[in-house]
Amino acid sequence: MAKWEQSFNGDFTQLLNKIESGILNGSMSASLEDSSDFYYGNARCSIRVFERYSYMGDNRVSLSVTLFQSDNGPIHMSAITSGGSQAVFFKLNTFGEEAFLDKLKEIL
């Protein structure tokens, strides 16, 4: 598992669209598995779960991205990858997870 947390200033919708299009257009095997959006007063939270094939690990890895903004404050992002191992009891070969997270860093 790999994790990246960051805060951004800017437009929430534009950032979300940039992430979605960047991930989906950045790999021919990438897919948006599911999404969820919440609003509470002036707060907004969006969750996106992506998946793609990892050639390095010969398996599929997922990337969950959560964006949160209250009022017009900074946009807080948490991105977590998972699934990049084939071992039963411990993690081996997490290169696919790291590469998926690196793709998000390139986009942003």
N, C-alpha and C. Protein backbone atom coordinates (compact mmCIF):
# COMPACT_ATOMS: atom_id res chain seq x y z
N MET A 1 0.85 -1.17 0.00
CA MET A 1 0.00 0.00 0.00
C MET A 1 0.89 1.23 0.00
N ALA A 2 0.50 2.20 -0.79
CA ALA A 2 1.20 3.48 -0.83
C ALA A 2 0.16 4.57 -0.60
N LYS A 3 0.59 5.67 0.05
CA LYS A 3 -0.35 6.74 0.36
C LYS A 3 0.30 8.09 0.09
N TRP A 4 -0.52 9.03 -0.40
CA TRP A 4 -0.07 10.40 -0.61
C TRP A 4 -1.19 11.33 -0.17
N GLU A 5 -0.87 12.26 0.71
CA GLU A 5 -1.84 13.25 1.14
C GLU A 5 -1.28 14.64 0.86
N GLN A 6 -2.16 15.51 0.36
CA GLN A 6 -1.72 16.83 -0.08
C GLN A 6 -2.91 17.78 0.00
N SER A 7 -2.65 19.06 0.15
CA SER A 7 -3.68 20.09 0.09
C SER A 7 -3.42 20.97 -1.11
N PHE A 8 -4.49 21.42 -1.75
CA PHE A 8 -4.41 22.24 -2.95
C PHE A 8 -5.34 23.43 -2.81
N ASN A 9 -5.00 24.51 -3.47
CA ASN A 9 -5.90 25.63 -3.63
C ASN A 9 -6.43 25.58 -5.06
N GLY A 10 -7.65 26.04 -5.25
CA GLY A 10 -8.21 26.05 -6.60
C GLY A 10 -9.64 25.60 -6.63
N ASP A 11 -10.08 25.24 -7.80
CA ASP A 11 -11.46 24.84 -8.04
C ASP A 11 -11.61 23.33 -7.86
N PHE A 12 -12.51 22.93 -6.98
CA PHE A 12 -12.73 21.52 -6.64
C PHE A 12 -13.09 20.70 -7.88
N THR A 13 -14.05 21.17 -8.64
CA THR A 13 -14.53 20.43 -9.82
C THR A 13 -13.43 20.27 -10.86
N GLN A 14 -12.66 21.32 -11.08
CA GLN A 14 -11.57 21.24 -12.05
C GLN A 14 -10.51 20.23 -11.61
N LEU A 15 -10.18 20.23 -10.31
CA LEU A 15 -9.20 19.28 -9.80
C LEU A 15 -9.70 17.85 -9.95
N LEU A 16 -10.96 17.62 -9.60
CA LEU A 16 -11.55 16.29 -9.72
C LEU A 16 -11.54 15.82 -11.17
N ASN A 17 -11.93 16.69 -12.09
CA ASN A 17 -11.93 16.34 -13.52
C ASN A 17 -10.53 16.06 -14.03
N LYS A 18 -9.56 16.82 -13.56
CA LYS A 18 -8.16 16.61 -13.96
C LYS A 18 -7.67 15.24 -13.52
N ILE A 19 -8.01 14.86 -12.29
CA ILE A 19 -7.62 13.55 -11.77
C ILE A 19 -8.29 12.44 -12.58
N GLU A 20 -9.61 12.53 -12.76
CA GLU A 20 -10.33 11.49 -13.49
C GLU A 20 -9.80 11.32 -14.91
N SER A 21 -9.70 12.41 -15.66
CA SER A 21 -9.25 12.29 -17.05
C SER A 21 -7.80 11.87 -17.13
N GLY A 22 -6.97 12.36 -16.22
CA GLY A 22 -5.56 11.99 -16.24
C GLY A 22 -5.33 10.51 -15.98
N ILE A 23 -6.03 9.96 -15.01
CA ILE A 23 -5.89 8.53 -14.70
C ILE A 23 -6.46 7.68 -15.83
N LEU A 24 -7.66 8.01 -16.28
CA LEU A 24 -8.32 7.19 -17.31
C LEU A 24 -7.62 7.28 -18.66
N ASN A 25 -7.03 8.42 -18.98
CA ASN A 25 -6.33 8.57 -20.25
C ASN A 25 -4.86 8.20 -20.16
N GLY A 26 -4.38 7.95 -18.94
CA GLY A 26 -2.97 7.66 -18.73
C GLY A 26 -2.60 6.20 -18.85
N SER A 27 -3.58 5.33 -18.95
CA SER A 27 -3.32 3.90 -19.06
C SER A 27 -4.49 3.25 -19.79
N MET A 28 -4.19 2.41 -20.77
CA MET A 28 -5.28 1.79 -21.51
C MET A 28 -6.06 0.78 -20.69
N SER A 29 -5.49 0.33 -19.57
CA SER A 29 -6.21 -0.64 -18.73
C SER A 29 -6.90 0.03 -17.54
N ALA A 30 -6.78 1.35 -17.39
CA ALA A 30 -7.38 2.04 -16.25
C ALA A 30 -8.89 2.15 -16.40
N SER A 31 -9.58 1.98 -15.28
CA SER A 31 -11.03 2.12 -15.26
C SER A 31 -11.46 2.80 -13.96
N LEU A 32 -12.58 3.49 -14.03
CA LEU A 32 -13.19 4.05 -12.84
C LEU A 32 -14.17 3.00 -12.32
N GLU A 33 -13.84 2.41 -11.19
CA GLU A 33 -14.65 1.31 -10.65
C GLU A 33 -15.91 1.81 -9.96
N ASP A 34 -15.78 2.91 -9.23
CA ASP A 34 -16.95 3.47 -8.57
C ASP A 34 -16.64 4.87 -8.08
N SER A 35 -17.68 5.61 -7.75
CA SER A 35 -17.49 6.99 -7.27
C SER A 35 -18.62 7.33 -6.31
N SER A 36 -18.35 8.33 -5.48
CA SER A 36 -19.35 8.81 -4.53
C SER A 36 -19.09 10.28 -4.26
N ASP A 37 -20.17 11.05 -4.12
CA ASP A 37 -20.07 12.48 -3.85
C ASP A 37 -21.01 12.83 -2.71
N PHE A 38 -20.50 13.60 -1.75
CA PHE A 38 -21.28 14.04 -0.60
C PHE A 38 -21.21 15.56 -0.49
N TYR A 39 -22.32 16.15 -0.09
CA TYR A 39 -22.38 17.57 0.19
C TYR A 39 -23.03 17.74 1.56
N TYR A 40 -22.46 18.61 2.37
CA TYR A 40 -23.06 18.92 3.65
C TYR A 40 -22.85 20.40 3.91
N GLY A 41 -23.89 21.17 3.74
CA GLY A 41 -23.74 22.62 3.84
C GLY A 41 -22.77 23.10 2.77
N ASN A 42 -21.71 23.75 3.19
CA ASN A 42 -20.70 24.25 2.26
C ASN A 42 -19.51 23.30 2.13
N ALA A 43 -19.63 22.10 2.64
CA ALA A 43 -18.55 21.11 2.54
C ALA A 43 -18.86 20.12 1.42
N ARG A 44 -17.81 19.66 0.77
CA ARG A 44 -17.96 18.70 -0.33
C ARG A 44 -16.89 17.62 -0.20
N CYS A 45 -17.28 16.39 -0.48
CA CYS A 45 -16.36 15.26 -0.45
C CYS A 45 -16.63 14.38 -1.66
N SER A 46 -15.58 14.06 -2.41
CA SER A 46 -15.71 13.16 -3.56
C SER A 46 -14.71 12.03 -3.42
N ILE A 47 -15.18 10.83 -3.71
CA ILE A 47 -14.34 9.63 -3.63
C ILE A 47 -14.37 8.95 -4.99
N ARG A 48 -13.18 8.58 -5.48
CA ARG A 48 -13.06 7.87 -6.75
C ARG A 48 -12.17 6.65 -6.53
N VAL A 49 -12.60 5.51 -7.05
CA VAL A 49 -11.81 4.29 -6.97
C VAL A 49 -11.48 3.85 -8.39
N PHE A 50 -10.19 3.86 -8.71
CA PHE A 50 -9.70 3.47 -10.02
C PHE A 50 -9.00 2.13 -9.92
N GLU A 51 -8.89 1.46 -11.05
CA GLU A 51 -8.17 0.19 -11.10
C GLU A 51 -7.43 0.12 -12.43
N ARG A 52 -6.28 -0.52 -12.42
CA ARG A 52 -5.55 -0.75 -13.67
C ARG A 52 -4.67 -1.98 -13.53
N TYR A 53 -4.26 -2.48 -14.67
CA TYR A 53 -3.38 -3.65 -14.70
C TYR A 53 -1.95 -3.20 -14.48
N SER A 54 -1.22 -3.94 -13.66
CA SER A 54 0.20 -3.67 -13.41
C SER A 54 1.04 -4.74 -14.10
N TYR A 55 1.78 -4.33 -15.10
CA TYR A 55 2.66 -5.27 -15.80
C TYR A 55 3.77 -5.77 -14.89
N MET A 56 4.26 -4.88 -14.02
CA MET A 56 5.36 -5.26 -13.11
C MET A 56 4.94 -6.39 -12.18
N GLY A 57 3.72 -6.31 -11.65
CA GLY A 57 3.25 -7.30 -10.70
C GLY A 57 2.38 -8.37 -11.31
N ASP A 58 2.05 -8.22 -12.60
CA ASP A 58 1.16 -9.16 -13.28
C ASP A 58 -0.15 -9.32 -12.52
N ASN A 59 -0.71 -8.19 -12.08
CA ASN A 59 -1.98 -8.20 -11.36
C ASN A 59 -2.64 -6.83 -11.50
N ARG A 60 -3.80 -6.67 -10.89
CA ARG A 60 -4.49 -5.38 -10.94
C ARG A 60 -4.27 -4.66 -9.62
N VAL A 61 -4.15 -3.33 -9.71
CA VAL A 61 -3.98 -2.50 -8.52
C VAL A 61 -5.09 -1.45 -8.51
N SER A 62 -5.45 -1.01 -7.33
CA SER A 62 -6.48 0.01 -7.21
C SER A 62 -5.89 1.29 -6.63
N LEU A 63 -6.54 2.39 -6.93
CA LEU A 63 -6.18 3.71 -6.41
C LEU A 63 -7.47 4.38 -5.95
N SER A 64 -7.54 4.68 -4.66
CA SER A 64 -8.69 5.39 -4.10
C SER A 64 -8.27 6.83 -3.84
N VAL A 65 -9.03 7.77 -4.39
CA VAL A 65 -8.74 9.19 -4.22
C VAL A 65 -9.92 9.85 -3.54
N THR A 66 -9.67 10.53 -2.44
CA THR A 66 -10.69 11.27 -1.72
C THR A 66 -10.32 12.74 -1.72
N LEU A 67 -11.25 13.59 -2.15
CA LEU A 67 -11.09 15.05 -2.09
C LEU A 67 -12.11 15.60 -1.10
N PHE A 68 -11.67 16.55 -0.27
CA PHE A 68 -12.57 17.18 0.69
C PHE A 68 -12.30 18.67 0.73
N GLN A 69 -13.38 19.46 0.72
CA GLN A 69 -13.25 20.91 0.83
C GLN A 69 -14.40 21.45 1.66
N SER A 70 -14.08 22.35 2.59
CA SER A 70 -15.09 23.02 3.40
C SER A 70 -15.07 24.49 3.04
N ASP A 71 -16.26 25.03 2.75
CA ASP A 71 -16.39 26.42 2.30
C ASP A 71 -15.48 26.63 1.09
N ASN A 72 -14.69 27.67 1.08
CA ASN A 72 -13.74 27.92 -0.01
C ASN A 72 -12.32 27.68 0.46
N GLY A 73 -12.15 26.84 1.46
CA GLY A 73 -10.83 26.54 1.99
C GLY A 73 -10.05 25.65 1.06
N PRO A 74 -8.88 25.21 1.51
CA PRO A 74 -8.07 24.32 0.67
C PRO A 74 -8.77 22.98 0.41
N ILE A 75 -8.41 22.37 -0.69
CA ILE A 75 -8.93 21.05 -1.04
C ILE A 75 -7.94 20.03 -0.48
N HIS A 76 -8.41 19.16 0.37
CA HIS A 76 -7.57 18.13 0.97
C HIS A 76 -7.75 16.83 0.18
N MET A 77 -6.63 16.22 -0.18
CA MET A 77 -6.67 14.98 -0.95
C MET A 77 -5.94 13.88 -0.20
N SER A 78 -6.54 12.70 -0.23
CA SER A 78 -5.89 11.49 0.26
C SER A 78 -5.97 10.46 -0.85
N ALA A 79 -4.83 9.93 -1.28
CA ALA A 79 -4.78 8.92 -2.34
C ALA A 79 -4.08 7.68 -1.79
N ILE A 80 -4.75 6.54 -1.89
CA ILE A 80 -4.22 5.29 -1.34
C ILE A 80 -4.33 4.19 -2.39
N THR A 81 -3.23 3.47 -2.60
CA THR A 81 -3.23 2.35 -3.54
C THR A 81 -3.29 1.04 -2.78
N SER A 82 -3.71 -0.01 -3.48
CA SER A 82 -3.79 -1.32 -2.86
C SER A 82 -3.81 -2.39 -3.95
N GLY A 83 -3.49 -3.62 -3.55
CA GLY A 83 -3.65 -4.76 -4.44
C GLY A 83 -2.43 -5.16 -5.22
N GLY A 84 -1.30 -4.56 -4.96
CA GLY A 84 -0.13 -4.83 -5.79
C GLY A 84 0.75 -5.96 -5.31
N SER A 85 0.20 -6.95 -4.67
CA SER A 85 1.02 -8.05 -4.18
C SER A 85 0.34 -9.38 -4.47
N GLN A 86 1.16 -10.41 -4.64
CA GLN A 86 0.62 -11.75 -4.88
C GLN A 86 0.88 -12.70 -3.72
N ALA A 87 1.51 -12.19 -2.68
CA ALA A 87 1.83 -13.05 -1.54
C ALA A 87 0.60 -13.27 -0.67
N VAL A 88 0.62 -14.34 0.11
CA VAL A 88 -0.52 -14.68 0.95
C VAL A 88 -0.46 -13.96 2.30
N PHE A 89 0.70 -13.96 2.97
CA PHE A 89 0.78 -13.44 4.32
C PHE A 89 1.51 -12.12 4.46
N PHE A 90 2.24 -11.68 3.45
CA PHE A 90 2.95 -10.41 3.53
C PHE A 90 3.08 -9.85 2.12
N LYS A 91 3.48 -8.59 2.04
CA LYS A 91 3.53 -7.90 0.75
C LYS A 91 4.85 -8.16 0.04
N LEU A 92 4.75 -8.59 -1.19
CA LEU A 92 5.88 -8.69 -2.10
C LEU A 92 5.55 -7.87 -3.33
N ASN A 93 6.51 -7.21 -3.88
CA ASN A 93 6.34 -6.51 -5.15
C ASN A 93 5.21 -5.48 -5.10
N THR A 94 5.51 -4.34 -4.53
CA THR A 94 4.54 -3.24 -4.47
C THR A 94 4.83 -2.19 -5.54
N PHE A 95 5.61 -2.57 -6.56
CA PHE A 95 5.99 -1.63 -7.62
C PHE A 95 4.75 -1.09 -8.35
N GLY A 96 3.77 -1.92 -8.59
CA GLY A 96 2.57 -1.49 -9.29
C GLY A 96 1.80 -0.43 -8.52
N GLU A 97 1.74 -0.58 -7.21
CA GLU A 97 1.06 0.40 -6.37
C GLU A 97 1.78 1.74 -6.42
N GLU A 98 3.11 1.70 -6.26
CA GLU A 98 3.91 2.92 -6.30
C GLU A 98 3.79 3.60 -7.66
N ALA A 99 3.80 2.83 -8.73
CA ALA A 99 3.70 3.39 -10.08
C ALA A 99 2.34 4.07 -10.30
N PHE A 100 1.29 3.50 -9.76
CA PHE A 100 -0.04 4.08 -9.90
C PHE A 100 -0.09 5.42 -9.16
N LEU A 101 0.47 5.46 -7.97
CA LEU A 101 0.51 6.70 -7.21
C LEU A 101 1.39 7.73 -7.90
N ASP A 102 2.50 7.30 -8.47
CA ASP A 102 3.38 8.20 -9.21
C ASP A 102 2.66 8.82 -10.41
N LYS A 103 1.78 8.07 -11.05
CA LYS A 103 1.00 8.59 -12.17
C LYS A 103 0.12 9.74 -11.71
N LEU A 104 -0.50 9.60 -10.53
CA LEU A 104 -1.32 10.67 -9.98
C LEU A 104 -0.46 11.90 -9.68
N LYS A 105 0.73 11.69 -9.15
CA LYS A 105 1.63 12.82 -8.86
C LYS A 105 2.02 13.54 -10.14
N GLU A 106 2.24 12.80 -11.23
CA GLU A 106 2.55 13.43 -12.52
C GLU A 106 1.38 14.31 -13.00
N ILE A 107 0.18 13.82 -12.81
CA ILE A 107 -1.02 14.54 -13.25
C ILE A 107 -1.17 15.86 -12.50
N LEU A 108 -0.90 15.81 -11.22
CA LEU A 108 -1.10 16.99 -10.38
C LEU A 108 0.15 17.83 -10.27
